[in-house]
Protein backbone atom coordinates (compact mmCIF):
# COMPACT_ATOMS: atom_id res chain seq x y z
CA MET A 1 102.85 100.47 127.65
CA LYS A 2 99.83 102.62 126.97
CA THR A 3 97.12 103.11 129.56
CA GLY A 4 94.06 100.97 128.99
CA GLU A 5 95.97 98.53 126.80
CA LYS A 6 95.06 94.83 127.04
CA LEU A 7 97.93 92.79 128.56
CA LEU A 8 98.53 89.07 128.30
CA GLN A 9 99.76 87.18 131.34
CA VAL A 10 102.25 84.43 130.51
CA HIS A 11 104.01 81.96 132.81
CA GLY A 12 107.70 81.34 132.27
CA ILE A 13 111.04 80.25 133.72
CA VAL A 14 114.01 82.61 134.04
CA VAL A 15 116.90 81.28 131.94
CA GLU A 16 119.50 84.04 132.29
CA ALA A 17 120.02 87.23 134.29
CA LEU A 18 121.39 90.11 132.21
CA PRO A 19 122.80 93.51 133.26
CA GLY A 20 120.38 96.33 134.02
CA LEU A 21 117.69 94.14 135.68
CA LEU A 22 116.88 92.41 132.38
CA PHE A 23 116.11 88.71 132.24
CA ARG A 24 115.85 86.14 129.46
CA VAL A 25 112.69 84.13 130.17
CA LYS A 26 111.48 80.98 128.42
CA SER A 27 107.69 81.30 128.10
CA GLN A 28 105.35 78.37 128.55
CA SER A 29 102.49 79.57 126.36
CA SER A 30 100.06 77.52 124.31
CA ASN A 31 101.72 78.45 120.98
CA GLY A 32 105.08 76.86 121.85
CA GLU A 33 108.16 77.88 123.79
CA LYS A 34 109.75 81.23 123.08
CA GLU A 35 112.53 83.24 124.74
CA ILE A 36 111.45 86.70 125.86
CA LEU A 37 113.49 89.62 127.15
CA ALA A 38 111.80 90.90 130.32
CA HIS A 39 112.41 93.58 132.94
CA LEU A 40 111.19 93.79 136.54
CA ALA A 41 108.00 95.62 137.40
CA GLY A 42 108.29 98.59 139.76
CA ARG A 43 106.64 96.77 142.68
CA LEU A 44 109.29 94.04 142.58
CA LYS A 45 112.07 96.63 142.54
CA LEU A 46 110.61 98.61 145.45
CA ASN A 47 110.21 95.51 147.62
CA ARG A 48 113.65 94.21 146.56
CA ILE A 49 112.36 90.84 145.36
CA LYS A 50 115.28 88.78 144.07
CA VAL A 51 114.81 86.95 140.77
CA ILE A 52 117.44 84.38 139.81
CA PRO A 53 117.76 81.86 136.96
CA GLY A 54 115.48 78.90 137.50
CA ASP A 55 112.65 80.92 139.12
CA LYS A 56 109.10 80.56 137.80
CA VAL A 57 107.56 83.95 137.03
CA ILE A 58 104.43 85.57 135.61
CA MET A 59 104.99 88.17 132.87
CA GLU A 60 102.76 90.77 131.26
CA MET A 61 103.09 91.28 127.52
CA THR A 62 101.26 93.34 124.91
CA ASN A 63 99.72 91.87 121.78
CA GLU A 64 101.90 94.10 119.59
CA ASN A 65 105.36 93.02 120.78
CA ASP A 66 105.80 89.38 121.76
CA THR A 67 109.58 89.57 122.28
CA ARG A 68 109.54 91.87 125.35
CA GLY A 69 107.69 91.75 128.62
CA ARG A 70 107.53 92.78 132.26
CA ILE A 71 107.92 90.39 135.21
CA VAL A 72 105.09 91.11 137.64
CA ARG A 73 105.26 88.12 140.00
CA ARG A 74 107.74 85.49 141.18
CA LEU A 75 106.19 82.13 141.97
C-alpha cells in the first residue's frame, strides 16, 4: 500500500486459515457479504496474536482492490 493512501476499515469473520498467514474473511460491509483474502499486519505478527476461524476481525482495504486486505485487529 502506498503512503498517504486512504484505507477503508471493514469488520469481518475469519472463515478459513490458509498457508503463509493468509486468511479467507467474510466481510460484513454495507454493500453485501464478500469473501476477502487477508494477511496479518506486522503488529499482530510481532506480538504473536493468534487468529483462528470464527474470530471477528477488523481489516484495512484500499479503494482500488476490494479482494485483498490486511487484518489489523482481532476482536
